[in-house]
Amino acid sequence: MLQQMKTAVAGAQILFVAFGAMVLVPILTGLNPALALLGAGIGTLVFQLLTKRKVPIFLGSSFAFIAPIIAAKQNWGVGATMFGLFAAGFMYFVFAAVIRWRGLEAVHKLLPPVVIGPVIMVIGLSVAGAAGSMAVGKGGDVQVVPYGTAVALAAFTFTVTVLVTVFGSKMMKLIPILIGVGAGYVAAALAGVVDFQGVAAAPWFAVPEFTKPEVNWSAAFFMLPVAIAPAIEHIGGILAIGAVTGKDYAADPGLDKTLAGDGLGVCVAGLIGGPPVTTYGEVTGAVMITKNSNPVIMTWAAVFAICMAFFGKFNAFLASIPLPVMGGVMLLLFGTIASLGLKTLIDAKVDLMRPKNLVIASTTLTVGLGGFFVQIGDMAFAGVGLSALLAILLNAVLLDRAE
């Protein structure tokens, strides 16, 4: 009994580590945080079912889909966006099938660093404008918070998050977003910017309002290429947790099974109205620090996440976080995502003086960030999805002189 309690406490700690990033995605995209918690919990349990509970990872909301979700909601509405996110899960199944058929090398050949790096940079930079608007207190074209107050709150939140990221303890560095938002929220409350009426009026127990997917193939084809980056990220996440625990999860249960488990989790999240899920590096860091790699703790974390989804007042509290506080965190966060794309190029020592590499990187960034789109009938391809497809195509048809 005591051992089970210790495992449950460890699971609660994992949820705490993942929590800040997990609820930030729905808040930024206008989705329901309760459904993000529910999707993460169910998605993790589904993943464990497919992998026979051998891998100690937790699936939380994916940042890669922030910009595509915002764009899809504007173009097709929430229901169609959810169908697109459901369809995105099938990209994981494609990678799982390729790995099972041809091995991991086939994926690396199709998606080398010169393709993945610029696509990740587009993912981060495509929402930089939203970060700036929220940091100055704007919701759309409306000045929700007075400019001076908004900038001060955003700057304070940003500063706290940066200080924790750079100078915090090992444990604090796992939750810089949570600490930054918490500090910003307290400052906003002292400044009289927080509206507590919604929290007071919310019930303690509330069943989340599910979003019904609406079949829309334009949204589906828009989202499918977006899943390429997080699918590759998943492979890196599995290799990373294997290095931490000293086990080869790529062999047992196998990358094909872990990819399929993650993909099914993405499908489930889309069906209920939550953001797609992905492996969390923060959780891998927590496993490394605590030396506790028992997959059962992830089961407890998933159960706690599901329970939190029905806590009405808590979800109302999340909805009360002011725009400048979120904007302050986003100023760092979205740049960090873009920096990871740059790191991908640097780590792989990609030579941008080679014409092929220069063409792929340059075209991907311009098409992904420049507002270019391709209209085919009723379907439009743009942003991250279009730039990812173009990068893959250019990599396939262009040859280095040596080749």
Protein backbone atom coordinates (compact mmCIF):
# COMPACT_ATOMS: atom_id res chain seq x y z
CA MET A 1 0.00 0.00 0.00
CA LEU A 2 2.83 2.41 0.92
CA GLN A 3 4.61 1.62 -2.34
CA GLN A 4 1.45 2.37 -4.32
CA MET A 5 1.12 5.72 -2.54
CA LYS A 6 4.73 6.57 -3.39
CA THR A 7 4.08 5.67 -7.04
CA ALA A 8 0.92 7.81 -7.06
CA VAL A 9 2.84 10.79 -5.62
CA ALA A 10 5.51 10.31 -8.30
CA GLY A 11 2.72 10.33 -10.90
CA ALA A 12 1.36 13.59 -9.49
CA GLN A 13 4.85 15.07 -9.75
CA ILE A 14 5.05 14.07 -13.44
CA LEU A 15 1.72 15.77 -14.12
CA PHE A 16 2.99 18.89 -12.33
CA VAL A 17 6.09 18.94 -14.56
CA ALA A 18 4.03 18.55 -17.75
CA PHE A 19 1.15 20.75 -16.68
CA GLY A 20 2.32 24.23 -17.68
CA ALA A 21 3.11 23.32 -21.28
CA MET A 22 0.10 21.02 -21.55
CA VAL A 23 -2.56 23.64 -20.76
CA LEU A 24 -0.71 26.48 -22.53
CA VAL A 25 -1.50 25.03 -25.98
CA PRO A 26 -5.31 25.09 -25.62
CA ILE A 27 -5.19 28.52 -23.98
CA LEU A 28 -3.21 29.93 -26.93
CA THR A 29 -5.37 28.24 -29.57
CA GLY A 30 -8.76 28.90 -27.96
CA LEU A 31 -9.47 25.24 -27.23
CA ASN A 32 -10.79 23.88 -23.94
CA PRO A 33 -7.98 23.20 -21.39
CA ALA A 34 -10.15 20.52 -19.79
CA LEU A 35 -10.20 18.60 -23.06
CA ALA A 36 -6.41 18.97 -23.33
CA LEU A 37 -6.08 17.33 -19.92
CA LEU A 38 -8.58 14.63 -20.86
CA GLY A 39 -6.90 14.00 -24.22
CA ALA A 40 -3.46 13.80 -22.62
CA GLY A 41 -4.68 11.37 -19.98
CA ILE A 42 -6.55 9.09 -22.36
CA GLY A 43 -3.80 9.39 -24.99
CA THR A 44 -1.14 8.28 -22.49
CA LEU A 45 -3.25 5.30 -21.40
CA VAL A 46 -3.84 4.30 -25.05
CA PHE A 47 -0.10 4.59 -25.70
CA GLN A 48 0.64 2.36 -22.74
CA LEU A 49 -1.90 -0.18 -23.97
CA LEU A 50 -0.23 -0.44 -27.39
CA THR A 51 3.29 -0.57 -25.95
CA LYS A 52 2.38 -2.97 -23.10
CA ARG A 53 3.33 -0.25 -20.58
CA LYS A 54 7.05 -0.60 -21.20
CA VAL A 55 8.02 3.01 -21.94
CA PRO A 56 8.01 5.70 -19.19
CA ILE A 57 6.74 8.67 -21.19
CA PHE A 58 3.76 11.00 -20.85
CA LEU A 59 1.91 12.43 -23.84
CA GLY A 60 0.97 16.10 -23.56
CA SER A 61 -0.27 18.89 -25.86
CA SER A 62 1.97 19.42 -28.90
CA PHE A 63 3.31 22.93 -29.62
CA ALA A 64 3.85 21.99 -33.26
CA PHE A 65 0.13 22.33 -33.93
CA ILE A 66 -0.43 25.79 -32.39
CA ALA A 67 -0.15 27.81 -35.62
CA PRO A 68 -2.02 25.24 -37.77
CA ILE A 69 -4.89 25.07 -35.24
CA ILE A 70 -5.24 28.86 -35.21
CA ALA A 71 -5.19 29.00 -39.03
CA ALA A 72 -7.59 26.07 -39.45
CA LYS A 73 -10.10 27.52 -36.99
CA GLN A 74 -10.13 30.78 -38.94
CA ASN A 75 -10.59 29.03 -42.29
CA TRP A 76 -12.90 26.11 -41.49
CA GLY A 77 -14.14 26.38 -37.90
CA VAL A 78 -13.53 24.32 -34.77
CA GLY A 79 -15.35 21.14 -35.87
CA ALA A 80 -13.41 20.88 -39.14
CA THR A 81 -10.17 21.63 -37.29
CA MET A 82 -10.83 18.70 -34.95
CA PHE A 83 -11.34 16.42 -37.96
CA GLY A 84 -8.04 17.67 -39.36
CA LEU A 85 -6.29 16.89 -36.07
CA PHE A 86 -7.88 13.45 -36.01
CA ALA A 87 -6.56 12.85 -39.54
CA ALA A 88 -3.08 14.06 -38.53
CA GLY A 89 -2.76 11.02 -36.28
CA PHE A 90 -2.61 8.79 -39.34
CA MET A 91 0.74 10.29 -40.36
CA TYR A 92 2.21 8.50 -37.34
CA PHE A 93 0.80 5.22 -38.67
CA VAL A 94 2.51 5.90 -42.03
CA PHE A 95 5.88 6.36 -40.30
CA ALA A 96 5.25 3.27 -38.16
CA ALA A 97 4.58 1.24 -41.31
CA VAL A 98 7.69 2.59 -43.08
CA ILE A 99 9.90 1.76 -40.08
CA ARG A 100 8.42 -1.71 -39.79
CA TRP A 101 8.94 -2.26 -43.54
CA ARG A 102 12.27 -0.56 -44.28
CA GLY A 103 13.74 0.44 -40.92
CA LEU A 104 14.55 3.83 -39.39
CA GLU A 105 17.07 4.69 -42.13
CA ALA A 106 14.25 5.06 -44.65
CA VAL A 107 12.69 7.81 -42.52
CA HIS A 108 16.03 9.61 -42.14
CA LYS A 109 16.54 9.49 -45.91
CA LEU A 110 13.06 10.92 -46.57
CA LEU A 111 13.33 13.52 -43.80
CA PRO A 112 16.96 14.59 -43.25
CA PRO A 113 17.85 17.50 -40.92
CA VAL A 114 17.82 19.99 -43.81
CA VAL A 115 14.09 19.25 -44.17
CA ILE A 116 13.12 18.94 -40.51
CA GLY A 117 15.11 21.95 -39.24
CA PRO A 118 13.49 24.68 -41.40
CA VAL A 119 10.02 23.15 -40.89
CA ILE A 120 10.44 23.37 -37.10
CA MET A 121 11.59 26.97 -37.51
CA VAL A 122 8.44 27.75 -39.48
CA ILE A 123 6.33 26.18 -36.72
CA GLY A 124 7.82 28.53 -34.13
CA LEU A 125 8.05 31.72 -36.16
CA SER A 126 4.63 31.47 -37.83
CA VAL A 127 2.95 32.37 -34.53
CA ALA A 128 5.42 35.07 -33.47
CA GLY A 129 2.85 37.73 -34.38
CA ALA A 130 0.33 36.27 -31.95
CA ALA A 131 2.92 36.42 -29.17
CA GLY A 132 3.56 40.10 -29.83
CA SER A 133 -0.14 40.98 -29.93
CA MET A 134 -0.90 39.23 -26.66
CA ALA A 135 2.15 40.76 -24.96
CA VAL A 136 0.80 44.26 -25.67
CA GLY A 137 -2.67 43.26 -24.45
CA LYS A 138 -4.46 42.82 -27.77
CA GLY A 139 -7.06 40.15 -28.45
CA GLY A 140 -7.46 40.32 -32.22
CA ASP A 141 -7.83 44.05 -32.98
CA VAL A 142 -9.24 44.87 -29.52
CA GLN A 143 -7.05 46.37 -26.79
CA VAL A 144 -8.19 44.13 -23.93
CA VAL A 145 -5.60 45.32 -21.37
CA PRO A 146 -4.22 48.91 -21.33
CA TYR A 147 -0.96 49.06 -23.27
CA GLY A 148 1.31 50.20 -20.45
CA THR A 149 -0.02 47.65 -17.97
CA ALA A 150 0.13 44.88 -20.58
CA VAL A 151 3.76 45.54 -21.52
CA ALA A 152 4.79 45.68 -17.86
CA LEU A 153 3.06 42.36 -17.09
CA ALA A 154 4.48 40.69 -20.20
CA ALA A 155 7.99 41.94 -19.39
CA PHE A 156 7.72 40.70 -15.79
CA THR A 157 6.44 37.27 -16.84
CA PHE A 158 9.13 37.01 -19.52
CA THR A 159 11.87 37.99 -17.05
CA VAL A 160 10.80 35.44 -14.44
CA THR A 161 10.60 32.67 -17.04
CA VAL A 162 14.05 33.52 -18.41
CA LEU A 163 15.64 33.68 -14.94
CA VAL A 164 14.19 30.28 -14.03
CA THR A 165 15.29 28.81 -17.37
CA VAL A 166 18.86 30.07 -17.00
CA PHE A 167 19.52 30.14 -13.25
CA GLY A 168 16.91 27.84 -11.70
CA SER A 169 17.59 24.51 -10.02
CA LYS A 170 17.32 21.30 -12.04
CA MET A 171 13.74 20.79 -10.87
CA MET A 172 12.77 24.42 -11.51
CA LYS A 173 14.18 24.24 -15.02
CA LEU A 174 11.62 21.52 -15.79
CA ILE A 175 8.71 23.90 -15.10
CA PRO A 176 9.80 27.40 -16.21
CA ILE A 177 6.48 28.01 -18.00
CA LEU A 178 4.47 27.07 -14.93
CA ILE A 179 6.57 29.31 -12.66
CA GLY A 180 6.53 32.21 -15.14
CA VAL A 181 2.77 32.10 -15.65
CA GLY A 182 2.20 31.74 -11.90
CA ALA A 183 4.33 34.79 -11.12
CA GLY A 184 2.70 36.76 -13.92
CA TYR A 185 -0.77 35.81 -12.69
CA VAL A 186 -0.01 37.05 -9.17
CA ALA A 187 1.33 40.34 -10.58
CA ALA A 188 -1.75 40.70 -12.80
CA ALA A 189 -4.04 40.08 -9.83
CA LEU A 190 -2.24 42.78 -7.82
CA ALA A 191 -2.61 45.12 -10.81
CA GLY A 192 -6.36 44.46 -10.88
CA VAL A 193 -6.30 42.92 -14.35
CA VAL A 194 -7.62 39.45 -13.43
CA ASP A 195 -11.39 38.88 -13.55
CA PHE A 196 -12.27 36.38 -10.81
CA GLN A 197 -16.02 36.35 -11.52
CA GLY A 198 -15.78 33.39 -13.86
CA VAL A 199 -13.86 31.39 -11.27
CA ALA A 200 -16.38 32.20 -8.54
CA ALA A 201 -19.35 31.30 -10.77
CA ALA A 202 -17.85 28.01 -12.06
CA PRO A 203 -19.03 24.74 -10.44
CA TRP A 204 -16.55 22.52 -8.63
CA PHE A 205 -17.48 19.57 -10.84
CA ALA A 206 -18.17 20.06 -14.54
CA VAL A 207 -18.25 17.67 -17.49
CA PRO A 208 -16.16 19.21 -20.29
CA GLU A 209 -18.05 20.36 -23.37
CA PHE A 210 -16.89 18.07 -26.16
CA THR A 211 -16.38 19.33 -29.70
CA LYS A 212 -17.83 17.15 -32.44
CA PRO A 213 -15.52 16.75 -35.47
CA GLU A 214 -16.97 17.80 -38.83
CA VAL A 215 -15.67 15.98 -41.90
CA ASN A 216 -13.62 18.44 -43.93
CA TRP A 217 -10.94 17.06 -46.26
CA SER A 218 -9.36 20.47 -46.80
CA ALA A 219 -8.62 20.68 -43.08
CA ALA A 220 -7.39 17.08 -43.11
CA PHE A 221 -4.90 17.62 -45.95
CA PHE A 222 -3.83 20.86 -44.28
CA MET A 223 -2.99 19.07 -41.01
CA LEU A 224 -1.41 15.86 -42.33
CA PRO A 225 2.00 17.35 -43.24
CA VAL A 226 2.09 19.23 -39.92
CA ALA A 227 2.37 15.88 -38.13
CA ILE A 228 5.73 15.17 -39.79
CA ALA A 229 7.73 17.28 -37.30
CA PRO A 230 6.14 15.90 -34.09
CA ALA A 231 6.38 12.35 -35.47
CA ILE A 232 10.13 12.80 -35.93
CA GLU A 233 10.22 14.47 -32.50
CA HIS A 234 8.58 11.34 -31.11
CA ILE A 235 11.41 9.18 -32.43
CA GLY A 236 13.93 11.50 -30.77
CA GLY A 237 11.92 11.38 -27.55
CA ILE A 238 11.94 7.58 -27.49
CA LEU A 239 15.69 7.46 -28.10
CA ALA A 240 16.21 10.09 -25.36
CA ILE A 241 14.23 8.23 -22.69
CA GLY A 242 16.08 5.06 -23.72
CA ALA A 243 19.40 6.81 -23.09
CA VAL A 244 18.18 7.97 -19.66
CA THR A 245 16.95 4.54 -18.54
CA GLY A 246 19.57 2.44 -20.31
CA LYS A 247 16.96 0.48 -22.28
CA ASP A 248 16.48 0.12 -26.02
CA TYR A 249 12.82 1.01 -26.50
CA ALA A 250 13.42 1.28 -30.26
CA ALA A 251 13.80 -2.50 -30.20
CA ASP A 252 11.31 -3.39 -27.44
CA PRO A 253 8.46 -2.56 -27.81
CA GLY A 254 9.75 -1.05 -31.09
CA LEU A 255 9.47 2.37 -32.74
CA ASP A 256 6.63 1.15 -34.93
CA LYS A 257 4.52 0.42 -31.84
CA THR A 258 5.43 3.64 -30.02
CA LEU A 259 4.63 5.71 -33.12
CA ALA A 260 1.32 3.91 -33.53
CA GLY A 261 0.53 4.52 -29.85
CA ASP A 262 1.29 8.23 -30.16
CA GLY A 263 -0.71 8.45 -33.39
CA LEU A 264 -3.73 6.81 -31.80
CA GLY A 265 -3.43 9.29 -28.93
CA VAL A 266 -3.51 12.15 -31.48
CA CYS A 267 -6.63 10.65 -33.08
CA VAL A 268 -8.38 10.32 -29.71
CA ALA A 269 -7.55 13.92 -28.76
CA GLY A 270 -8.97 15.18 -32.07
CA LEU A 271 -12.17 13.18 -31.61
CA ILE A 272 -12.95 14.73 -28.22
CA GLY A 273 -11.88 18.29 -29.10
CA GLY A 274 -8.42 18.58 -27.56
CA PRO A 275 -5.03 19.47 -29.09
CA PRO A 276 -2.81 16.65 -30.43
CA VAL A 277 -0.43 14.99 -27.99
CA THR A 278 3.27 14.25 -28.19
CA THR A 279 6.13 12.98 -26.02
CA TYR A 280 7.29 15.51 -23.42
CA GLY A 281 10.99 16.22 -22.95
CA GLU A 282 10.20 17.77 -19.55
CA VAL A 283 9.00 14.38 -18.36
CA THR A 284 12.20 12.72 -19.63
CA GLY A 285 14.15 15.29 -17.63
CA ALA A 286 12.09 14.49 -14.53
CA VAL A 287 12.78 10.77 -14.98
CA MET A 288 16.51 11.52 -15.23
CA ILE A 289 16.51 13.63 -12.06
CA THR A 290 14.31 11.37 -9.91
CA LYS A 291 15.84 8.10 -11.23
CA ASN A 292 12.31 6.66 -11.23
CA SER A 293 11.59 5.09 -14.62
CA ASN A 294 8.66 2.90 -13.59
CA PRO A 295 6.03 3.26 -16.38
CA VAL A 296 3.29 2.90 -13.76
CA ILE A 297 3.97 6.48 -12.61
CA MET A 298 2.86 7.63 -16.08
CA THR A 299 -0.36 5.69 -15.58
CA TRP A 300 -0.99 7.63 -12.37
CA ALA A 301 -0.15 10.91 -14.11
CA ALA A 302 -2.67 10.07 -16.84
CA VAL A 303 -5.37 9.22 -14.29
CA PHE A 304 -4.76 12.48 -12.41
CA ALA A 305 -4.96 14.44 -15.70
CA ILE A 306 -8.33 12.85 -16.49
CA CYS A 307 -9.62 13.72 -13.01
CA MET A 308 -8.43 17.35 -13.38
CA ALA A 309 -10.45 17.64 -16.59
CA PHE A 310 -13.66 17.50 -14.53
CA PHE A 311 -12.55 20.13 -12.00
CA GLY A 312 -14.71 23.07 -13.13
CA LYS A 313 -13.23 25.84 -10.99
CA PHE A 314 -9.71 24.96 -11.99
CA ASN A 315 -10.50 25.22 -15.68
CA ALA A 316 -12.23 28.56 -15.06
CA PHE A 317 -9.04 29.68 -13.29
CA LEU A 318 -7.00 28.80 -16.39
CA ALA A 319 -9.41 30.81 -18.55
CA SER A 320 -8.87 33.85 -16.30
CA ILE A 321 -5.12 34.14 -17.09
CA PRO A 322 -4.71 37.60 -18.72
CA LEU A 323 -3.42 37.93 -22.29
CA PRO A 324 -0.17 39.80 -21.41
CA VAL A 325 0.88 37.03 -19.01
CA MET A 326 0.50 34.44 -21.75
CA GLY A 327 2.17 36.79 -24.23
CA GLY A 328 5.21 37.18 -21.97
CA VAL A 329 5.75 33.43 -21.94
CA MET A 330 5.08 33.11 -25.67
CA LEU A 331 7.81 35.65 -26.53
CA LEU A 332 10.31 33.11 -25.24
CA LEU A 333 8.47 29.92 -26.12
CA PHE A 334 7.89 30.41 -29.83
CA GLY A 335 11.45 31.63 -30.33
CA THR A 336 12.63 28.53 -28.49
CA ILE A 337 10.76 26.30 -30.94
CA ALA A 338 12.41 28.09 -33.85
CA SER A 339 15.78 27.76 -32.13
CA LEU A 340 15.30 24.01 -31.90
CA GLY A 341 14.95 23.95 -35.67
CA LEU A 342 18.21 25.88 -35.96
CA LYS A 343 19.83 23.46 -33.49
CA THR A 344 18.73 20.57 -35.74
CA LEU A 345 20.70 22.09 -38.62
CA ILE A 346 23.74 22.84 -36.45
CA ASP A 347 23.88 19.42 -34.77
CA ALA A 348 23.72 17.69 -38.14
CA LYS A 349 26.39 20.10 -39.50
CA VAL A 350 24.22 20.95 -42.49
CA ASP A 351 26.30 22.87 -45.02
CA LEU A 352 24.13 25.72 -46.29
CA MET A 353 26.78 26.61 -48.86
CA ARG A 354 25.68 23.55 -50.82
CA PRO A 355 23.12 24.72 -53.38
CA LYS A 356 20.67 21.89 -52.61
CA ASN A 357 20.63 22.61 -48.86
CA LEU A 358 20.39 26.37 -49.41
CA VAL A 359 17.43 25.99 -51.78
CA ILE A 360 15.54 23.67 -49.40
CA ALA A 361 16.07 25.82 -46.29
CA SER A 362 15.41 29.15 -48.03
CA THR A 363 12.29 28.03 -49.89
CA THR A 364 10.83 26.30 -46.83
CA LEU A 365 11.18 29.43 -44.69
CA THR A 366 9.84 31.81 -47.33
CA VAL A 367 6.84 29.67 -48.29
CA GLY A 368 6.05 28.80 -44.68
CA LEU A 369 6.18 32.38 -43.38
CA GLY A 370 5.34 34.45 -46.45
CA GLY A 371 1.62 33.74 -46.72
CA PHE A 372 1.97 31.76 -49.96
CA PHE A 373 -0.76 29.18 -50.62
CA VAL A 374 -1.78 26.69 -53.28
CA GLN A 375 -5.48 26.37 -54.14
CA ILE A 376 -6.68 23.10 -55.65
CA GLY A 377 -10.44 23.15 -56.06
CA ASP A 378 -11.92 23.73 -52.61
CA MET A 379 -8.70 22.75 -50.86
CA ALA A 380 -5.94 25.17 -49.93
CA PHE A 381 -2.41 24.28 -48.83
CA ALA A 382 -0.43 26.85 -46.86
CA GLY A 383 1.87 27.47 -43.90
CA VAL A 384 3.62 24.64 -42.12
CA GLY A 385 1.91 21.92 -44.15
CA LEU A 386 2.79 23.36 -47.55
CA SER A 387 6.38 24.18 -46.56
CA ALA A 388 6.89 20.64 -45.20
CA LEU A 389 5.60 19.05 -48.41
CA LEU A 390 7.75 21.37 -50.52
CA ALA A 391 10.86 20.60 -48.46
CA ILE A 392 10.31 16.85 -48.86
CA LEU A 393 9.75 17.23 -52.60
CA LEU A 394 12.85 19.39 -53.12
CA ASN A 395 14.97 16.97 -51.10
CA ALA A 396 13.75 14.10 -53.25
CA VAL A 397 14.24 15.68 -56.68
CA LEU A 398 17.37 17.80 -56.15
CA LEU A 399 20.75 16.05 -56.16
CA ASP A 400 24.03 17.21 -54.70
CA ARG A 401 26.84 17.39 -57.21
CA ALA A 402 28.49 14.51 -55.38
CA GLU A 403 25.30 12.48 -55.78
